[in-house]
């Protein structure tokens, strides 16, 4: 039987019923775990199931108080089996894969800045230094329906995963993330603390969520 691990992180969800959200994600993880344990894994079916539960969870992010109308949250979630990494995300929270000391981003931000990069107005480096307002183009909680991006990547021994919010990536570049992880590869708790400290040192303008997992 495969050993499965599920993780998720969000950007800002102070205005939602956390207990209901956790319950919904618990249901998702149990169904995903049961699915990949008991059947020949159909990657498309697993991604469809993840999308369905993002949509279900989205209703819990709809603000219940007038003061929060228009607010939303970003989210990234992953299900890891013995052979695959499944990911779903909305917004600009990210999943990185650290393999053989190289760090690769597995998600693409849903943001105005990313759209400008895709259209050739900026390179990644130029975008970091440009005075462009940070606006996400997708978020949980703005409306009932949400478009979810999903993907799967083969899992290799010793792969390491980083899930994080833009509170980290707006303040810390990808090369700094890679350097910090590689310098603390034997102590992931210390690596996470140093990433958060580095983000705060560089300005700390937003909530900083960091999860590191050795597969």
C-alpha atoms as a PDB file:
ATOM      1  CA  UNK A   1       0.000   0.000   0.000  1.00  0.00           C
ATOM      2  CA  UNK A   2       1.258   3.447  -0.876  1.00  0.00           C
ATOM      3  CA  UNK A   3       1.982   5.993   1.820  1.00  0.00           C
ATOM      4  CA  UNK A   4       0.202   9.247   1.060  1.00  0.00           C
ATOM      5  CA  UNK A   5       0.856  12.734   2.384  1.00  0.00           C
ATOM      6  CA  UNK A   6      -1.420  15.747   1.934  1.00  0.00           C
ATOM      7  CA  UNK A   7      -0.513  19.355   2.609  1.00  0.00           C
ATOM      8  CA  UNK A   8      -2.022  22.752   1.921  1.00  0.00           C
ATOM      9  CA  UNK A   9      -1.394  26.379   2.753  1.00  0.00           C
ATOM     10  CA  UNK A  10      -3.379  29.576   2.266  1.00  0.00           C
ATOM     11  CA  UNK A  11      -2.532  33.268   2.227  1.00  0.00           C
ATOM     12  CA  UNK A  12      -5.221  35.069   4.255  1.00  0.00           C
ATOM     13  CA  UNK A  13      -8.341  33.396   5.661  1.00  0.00           C
ATOM     14  CA  UNK A  14      -9.020  35.133   8.943  1.00  0.00           C
ATOM     15  CA  UNK A  15     -12.579  35.862   7.844  1.00  0.00           C
ATOM     16  CA  UNK A  16     -13.715  32.292   7.203  1.00  0.00           C
ATOM     17  CA  UNK A  17     -14.995  29.430   9.340  1.00  0.00           C
ATOM     18  CA  UNK A  18     -11.709  27.568   9.827  1.00  0.00           C
ATOM     19  CA  UNK A  19     -13.328  24.501  11.342  1.00  0.00           C
ATOM     20  CA  UNK A  20     -15.527  23.982   8.284  1.00  0.00           C
ATOM     21  CA  UNK A  21     -12.588  24.500   5.932  1.00  0.00           C
ATOM     22  CA  UNK A  22     -10.468  21.976   7.802  1.00  0.00           C
ATOM     23  CA  UNK A  23     -13.346  19.487   7.743  1.00  0.00           C
ATOM     24  CA  UNK A  24     -13.707  19.866   4.003  1.00  0.00           C
ATOM     25  CA  UNK A  25      -9.987  19.389   3.355  1.00  0.00           C
ATOM     26  CA  UNK A  26      -9.977  16.362   5.650  1.00  0.00           C
ATOM     27  CA  UNK A  27     -12.668  14.829   3.462  1.00  0.00           C
ATOM     28  CA  UNK A  28     -10.640  15.642   0.344  1.00  0.00           C
ATOM     29  CA  UNK A  29      -7.467  14.069   1.707  1.00  0.00           C
ATOM     30  CA  UNK A  30      -9.250  10.911   2.861  1.00  0.00           C
ATOM     31  CA  UNK A  31     -10.908  10.462  -0.529  1.00  0.00           C
ATOM     32  CA  UNK A  32      -7.656  11.073  -2.390  1.00  0.00           C
ATOM     33  CA  UNK A  33      -5.748   8.713  -0.122  1.00  0.00           C
ATOM     34  CA  UNK A  34      -8.410   6.029  -0.489  1.00  0.00           C
ATOM     35  CA  UNK A  35      -8.528   6.492  -4.231  1.00  0.00           C
ATOM     36  CA  UNK A  36      -4.816   6.118  -4.850  1.00  0.00           C
ATOM     37  CA  UNK A  37      -4.561   3.218  -2.376  1.00  0.00           C
ATOM     38  CA  UNK A  38      -7.385   1.116  -3.728  1.00  0.00           C
ATOM     39  CA  UNK A  39      -7.240   1.592  -7.497  1.00  0.00           C
ATOM     40  CA  UNK A  40      -4.850   1.838 -10.369  1.00  0.00           C
ATOM     41  CA  UNK A  41      -4.152   5.545 -10.246  1.00  0.00           C
ATOM     42  CA  UNK A  42      -5.786   7.574 -12.999  1.00  0.00           C
ATOM     43  CA  UNK A  43      -3.975  10.911 -12.923  1.00  0.00           C
ATOM     44  CA  UNK A  44      -6.808  12.763 -14.638  1.00  0.00           C
ATOM     45  CA  UNK A  45      -9.366  11.367 -12.182  1.00  0.00           C
ATOM     46  CA  UNK A  46      -7.287  12.422  -9.172  1.00  0.00           C
ATOM     47  CA  UNK A  47      -6.935  15.939 -10.575  1.00  0.00           C
ATOM     48  CA  UNK A  48     -10.687  16.089 -11.230  1.00  0.00           C
ATOM     49  CA  UNK A  49     -11.388  15.053  -7.637  1.00  0.00           C
ATOM     50  CA  UNK A  50      -9.020  17.747  -6.364  1.00  0.00           C
ATOM     51  CA  UNK A  51     -10.749  20.389  -8.494  1.00  0.00           C
ATOM     52  CA  UNK A  52     -14.167  19.330  -7.204  1.00  0.00           C
ATOM     53  CA  UNK A  53     -13.094  19.757  -3.602  1.00  0.00           C
ATOM     54  CA  UNK A  54     -11.499  23.132  -4.266  1.00  0.00           C
ATOM     55  CA  UNK A  55     -14.879  24.232  -5.591  1.00  0.00           C
ATOM     56  CA  UNK A  56     -16.671  22.818  -2.539  1.00  0.00           C
ATOM     57  CA  UNK A  57     -14.208  24.465  -0.168  1.00  0.00           C
ATOM     58  CA  UNK A  58     -14.572  27.770  -2.009  1.00  0.00           C
ATOM     59  CA  UNK A  59     -18.038  28.341  -0.543  1.00  0.00           C
ATOM     60  CA  UNK A  60     -16.513  28.463   2.946  1.00  0.00           C
ATOM     61  CA  UNK A  61     -14.280  31.321   1.834  1.00  0.00           C
ATOM     62  CA  UNK A  62     -17.196  33.547   0.817  1.00  0.00           C
ATOM     63  CA  UNK A  63     -17.027  36.396   3.386  1.00  0.00           C
ATOM     64  CA  UNK A  64     -19.923  36.375   5.857  1.00  0.00           C
ATOM     65  CA  UNK A  65     -19.308  39.899   7.168  1.00  0.00           C
ATOM     66  CA  UNK A  66     -19.871  43.059   5.142  1.00  0.00           C
ATOM     67  CA  UNK A  67     -16.450  44.391   6.096  1.00  0.00           C
ATOM     68  CA  UNK A  68     -14.809  41.457   4.319  1.00  0.00           C
ATOM     69  CA  UNK A  69     -16.760  41.624   1.050  1.00  0.00           C
ATOM     70  CA  UNK A  70     -14.374  41.504  -1.892  1.00  0.00           C
ATOM     71  CA  UNK A  71     -11.646  39.751   0.073  1.00  0.00           C
ATOM     72  CA  UNK A  72     -10.353  36.337  -0.852  1.00  0.00           C
ATOM     73  CA  UNK A  73      -7.516  33.930  -0.207  1.00  0.00           C
ATOM     74  CA  UNK A  74      -5.021  32.011  -2.298  1.00  0.00           C
ATOM     75  CA  UNK A  75      -4.327  28.330  -1.762  1.00  0.00           C
ATOM     76  CA  UNK A  76      -1.968  25.572  -2.843  1.00  0.00           C
ATOM     77  CA  UNK A  77      -2.479  21.909  -1.946  1.00  0.00           C
ATOM     78  CA  UNK A  78      -0.608  18.724  -2.729  1.00  0.00           C
ATOM     79  CA  UNK A  79      -1.199  14.991  -2.436  1.00  0.00           C
ATOM     80  CA  UNK A  80       1.955  12.862  -2.490  1.00  0.00           C
ATOM     81  CA  UNK A  81       1.959   9.126  -3.157  1.00  0.00           C
ATOM     82  CA  UNK A  82       4.847   6.704  -3.562  1.00  0.00           C
ATOM     83  CA  UNK A  83       5.095   7.578  -7.239  1.00  0.00           C
ATOM     84  CA  UNK A  84       3.422  10.928  -7.899  1.00  0.00           C
ATOM     85  CA  UNK A  85       3.081  14.505  -6.696  1.00  0.00           C
ATOM     86  CA  UNK A  86      -0.374  15.974  -7.344  1.00  0.00           C
ATOM     87  CA  UNK A  87      -0.892  19.705  -6.980  1.00  0.00           C
ATOM     88  CA  UNK A  88      -3.844  22.083  -7.153  1.00  0.00           C
ATOM     89  CA  UNK A  89      -3.708  25.836  -6.662  1.00  0.00           C
ATOM     90  CA  UNK A  90      -5.596  29.112  -6.934  1.00  0.00           C
ATOM     91  CA  UNK A  91      -3.826  32.476  -6.777  1.00  0.00           C
ATOM     92  CA  UNK A  92      -0.148  33.063  -6.062  1.00  0.00           C
ATOM     93  CA  UNK A  93       0.626  30.633  -3.254  1.00  0.00           C
ATOM     94  CA  UNK A  94       3.258  28.305  -4.673  1.00  0.00           C
ATOM     95  CA  UNK A  95       4.607  24.759  -4.656  1.00  0.00           C
ATOM     96  CA  UNK A  96       8.312  24.239  -5.273  1.00  0.00           C
ATOM     97  CA  UNK A  97      10.092  20.942  -5.934  1.00  0.00           C
ATOM     98  CA  UNK A  98      13.629  20.644  -4.561  1.00  0.00           C
ATOM     99  CA  UNK A  99      15.436  17.827  -6.362  1.00  0.00           C
ATOM    100  CA  UNK A 100      19.182  17.188  -6.374  1.00  0.00           C
ATOM    101  CA  UNK A 101      19.706  20.632  -4.808  1.00  0.00           C
ATOM    102  CA  UNK A 102      17.868  22.352  -7.669  1.00  0.00           C
ATOM    103  CA  UNK A 103      14.605  24.187  -6.949  1.00  0.00           C
ATOM    104  CA  UNK A 104      11.824  24.226  -9.541  1.00  0.00           C
ATOM    105  CA  UNK A 105       8.467  26.004  -9.274  1.00  0.00           C
ATOM    106  CA  UNK A 106       5.574  23.631 -10.032  1.00  0.00           C
ATOM    107  CA  UNK A 107       2.842  26.285 -10.023  1.00  0.00           C
ATOM    108  CA  UNK A 108       2.283  29.453 -12.059  1.00  0.00           C
ATOM    109  CA  UNK A 109       0.930  32.522 -10.264  1.00  0.00           C
ATOM    110  CA  UNK A 110      -2.549  33.739 -11.121  1.00  0.00           C
ATOM    111  CA  UNK A 111      -1.594  37.419 -10.976  1.00  0.00           C
ATOM    112  CA  UNK A 112      -1.363  40.548 -13.095  1.00  0.00           C
ATOM    113  CA  UNK A 113       2.427  40.493 -12.751  1.00  0.00           C
ATOM    114  CA  UNK A 114       2.603  36.920 -14.091  1.00  0.00           C
ATOM    115  CA  UNK A 115       0.336  37.900 -17.002  1.00  0.00           C
ATOM    116  CA  UNK A 116       2.727  40.745 -17.862  1.00  0.00           C
ATOM    117  CA  UNK A 117       5.677  38.338 -17.726  1.00  0.00           C
ATOM    118  CA  UNK A 118       3.856  35.877 -19.986  1.00  0.00           C
ATOM    119  CA  UNK A 119       3.148  38.677 -22.485  1.00  0.00           C
ATOM    120  CA  UNK A 120       6.805  39.685 -22.593  1.00  0.00           C
ATOM    121  CA  UNK A 121       6.545  43.046 -20.830  1.00  0.00           C
ATOM    122  CA  UNK A 122       8.920  41.918 -18.076  1.00  0.00           C
ATOM    123  CA  UNK A 123      11.379  39.172 -17.335  1.00  0.00           C
ATOM    124  CA  UNK A 124      11.098  37.487 -13.935  1.00  0.00           C
ATOM    125  CA  UNK A 125      14.034  39.578 -12.690  1.00  0.00           C
ATOM    126  CA  UNK A 126      12.619  42.839 -14.063  1.00  0.00           C
ATOM    127  CA  UNK A 127       9.195  42.149 -12.555  1.00  0.00           C
ATOM    128  CA  UNK A 128      10.667  41.874  -9.069  1.00  0.00           C
ATOM    129  CA  UNK A 129      12.104  45.366  -9.339  1.00  0.00           C
ATOM    130  CA  UNK A 130       9.185  46.962 -11.167  1.00  0.00           C
ATOM    131  CA  UNK A 131       6.655  49.051  -9.276  1.00  0.00           C
ATOM    132  CA  UNK A 132       3.696  46.945 -10.365  1.00  0.00           C
ATOM    133  CA  UNK A 133       0.726  46.613  -8.037  1.00  0.00           C
ATOM    134  CA  UNK A 134       0.333  43.078  -6.723  1.00  0.00           C
ATOM    135  CA  UNK A 135      -3.092  41.900  -7.851  1.00  0.00           C
ATOM    136  CA  UNK A 136      -4.198  38.278  -8.104  1.00  0.00           C
ATOM    137  CA  UNK A 137      -6.464  37.259 -10.963  1.00  0.00           C
ATOM    138  CA  UNK A 138      -7.930  34.237  -9.171  1.00  0.00           C
ATOM    139  CA  UNK A 139      -8.796  33.766  -5.507  1.00  0.00           C
ATOM    140  CA  UNK A 140     -10.973  31.694  -3.216  1.00  0.00           C
ATOM    141  CA  UNK A 141     -13.911  33.642  -1.796  1.00  0.00           C
ATOM    142  CA  UNK A 142     -14.588  36.257  -4.436  1.00  0.00           C
ATOM    143  CA  UNK A 143     -17.302  34.160  -6.038  1.00  0.00           C
ATOM    144  CA  UNK A 144     -18.802  30.698  -5.642  1.00  0.00           C
ATOM    145  CA  UNK A 145     -17.058  29.181  -8.674  1.00  0.00           C
ATOM    146  CA  UNK A 146     -13.294  29.169  -9.015  1.00  0.00           C
ATOM    147  CA  UNK A 147     -10.960  27.941 -11.760  1.00  0.00           C
ATOM    148  CA  UNK A 148      -8.367  25.552 -10.344  1.00  0.00           C
ATOM    149  CA  UNK A 149      -5.055  24.632 -11.967  1.00  0.00           C
ATOM    150  CA  UNK A 150      -3.878  21.076 -11.323  1.00  0.00           C
ATOM    151  CA  UNK A 151      -0.860  19.050 -12.368  1.00  0.00           C
ATOM    152  CA  UNK A 152       1.062  15.911 -11.529  1.00  0.00           C
ATOM    153  CA  UNK A 153       4.801  15.247 -11.428  1.00  0.00           C
ATOM    154  CA  UNK A 154       6.626  11.931 -10.968  1.00  0.00           C
ATOM    155  CA  UNK A 155       8.083  11.553  -7.472  1.00  0.00           C
ATOM    156  CA  UNK A 156      11.726  10.575  -7.042  1.00  0.00           C
ATOM    157  CA  UNK A 157      13.557   9.472  -3.879  1.00  0.00           C
ATOM    158  CA  UNK A 158      14.641  12.334  -1.597  1.00  0.00           C
ATOM    159  CA  UNK A 159      12.434  14.906  -3.311  1.00  0.00           C
ATOM    160  CA  UNK A 160      11.622  17.837  -1.048  1.00  0.00           C
ATOM    161  CA  UNK A 161       8.537  20.046  -1.351  1.00  0.00           C
ATOM    162  CA  UNK A 162       8.037  23.669  -0.341  1.00  0.00           C
ATOM    163  CA  UNK A 163       4.527  25.114  -0.084  1.00  0.00           C
ATOM    164  CA  UNK A 164       4.420  28.836   0.606  1.00  0.00           C
ATOM    165  CA  UNK A 165       2.417  32.043   0.360  1.00  0.00           C
ATOM    166  CA  UNK A 166       3.432  35.177  -1.503  1.00  0.00           C
ATOM    167  CA  UNK A 167       4.500  36.629   1.832  1.00  0.00           C
ATOM    168  CA  UNK A 168       7.668  34.591   1.256  1.00  0.00           C
ATOM    169  CA  UNK A 169       8.115  34.811  -2.509  1.00  0.00           C
ATOM    170  CA  UNK A 170       7.473  38.568  -2.750  1.00  0.00           C
ATOM    171  CA  UNK A 171      10.359  39.145  -0.352  1.00  0.00           C
ATOM    172  CA  UNK A 172      12.719  36.276  -1.182  1.00  0.00           C
ATOM    173  CA  UNK A 173      13.870  35.364  -4.693  1.00  0.00           C
ATOM    174  CA  UNK A 174      13.865  31.797  -5.987  1.00  0.00           C
ATOM    175  CA  UNK A 175      17.672  31.606  -5.877  1.00  0.00           C
ATOM    176  CA  UNK A 176      17.647  32.734  -2.225  1.00  0.00           C
ATOM    177  CA  UNK A 177      15.020  30.107  -1.434  1.00  0.00           C
ATOM    178  CA  UNK A 178      17.168  27.431  -3.070  1.00  0.00           C
ATOM    179  CA  UNK A 179      20.316  28.591  -1.286  1.00  0.00           C
ATOM    180  CA  UNK A 180      18.610  28.672   2.131  1.00  0.00           C
ATOM    181  CA  UNK A 181      17.134  25.196   1.728  1.00  0.00           C
ATOM    182  CA  UNK A 182      20.391  23.695   0.467  1.00  0.00           C
ATOM    183  CA  UNK A 183      22.362  25.236   3.335  1.00  0.00           C
ATOM    184  CA  UNK A 184      19.945  23.656   5.829  1.00  0.00           C
ATOM    185  CA  UNK A 185      18.983  20.504   3.963  1.00  0.00           C
ATOM    186  CA  UNK A 186      19.492  18.298   7.039  1.00  0.00           C
ATOM    187  CA  UNK A 187      17.265  20.464   9.251  1.00  0.00           C
ATOM    188  CA  UNK A 188      14.041  21.477   7.513  1.00  0.00           C
ATOM    189  CA  UNK A 189      12.665  23.162  10.635  1.00  0.00           C
ATOM    190  CA  UNK A 190      15.685  25.458  10.634  1.00  0.00           C
ATOM    191  CA  UNK A 191      15.355  25.992   6.877  1.00  0.00           C
ATOM    192  CA  UNK A 192      11.736  27.121   7.309  1.00  0.00           C
ATOM    193  CA  UNK A 193      12.654  29.474  10.159  1.00  0.00           C
ATOM    194  CA  UNK A 194      15.463  31.015   8.114  1.00  0.00           C
ATOM    195  CA  UNK A 195      13.194  31.522   5.103  1.00  0.00           C
ATOM    196  CA  UNK A 196      10.662  33.341   7.283  1.00  0.00           C
ATOM    197  CA  UNK A 197      13.421  35.386   8.922  1.00  0.00           C
ATOM    198  CA  UNK A 198      14.803  36.333   5.504  1.00  0.00           C
ATOM    199  CA  UNK A 199      11.371  37.450   4.292  1.00  0.00           C
ATOM    200  CA  UNK A 200      10.939  39.606   7.396  1.00  0.00           C
ATOM    201  CA  UNK A 201      14.449  40.980   7.023  1.00  0.00           C
ATOM    202  CA  UNK A 202      13.629  42.007   3.437  1.00  0.00           C
ATOM    203  CA  UNK A 203      10.485  43.862   4.444  1.00  0.00           C
ATOM    204  CA  UNK A 204       7.942  41.297   5.625  1.00  0.00           C
ATOM    205  CA  UNK A 205       4.989  43.052   3.984  1.00  0.00           C
ATOM    206  CA  UNK A 206       2.497  40.167   4.161  1.00  0.00           C
ATOM    207  CA  UNK A 207       1.605  36.984   6.028  1.00  0.00           C
ATOM    208  CA  UNK A 208       4.350  34.390   5.566  1.00  0.00           C
ATOM    209  CA  UNK A 209       3.343  30.730   5.304  1.00  0.00           C
ATOM    210  CA  UNK A 210       6.030  28.078   4.796  1.00  0.00           C
ATOM    211  CA  UNK A 211       5.736  24.275   4.757  1.00  0.00           C
ATOM    212  CA  UNK A 212       8.722  22.046   3.947  1.00  0.00           C
ATOM    213  CA  UNK A 213       8.271  18.297   3.471  1.00  0.00           C
ATOM    214  CA  UNK A 214      10.830  15.591   2.771  1.00  0.00           C
ATOM    215  CA  UNK A 215       9.154  12.826   0.741  1.00  0.00           C
END
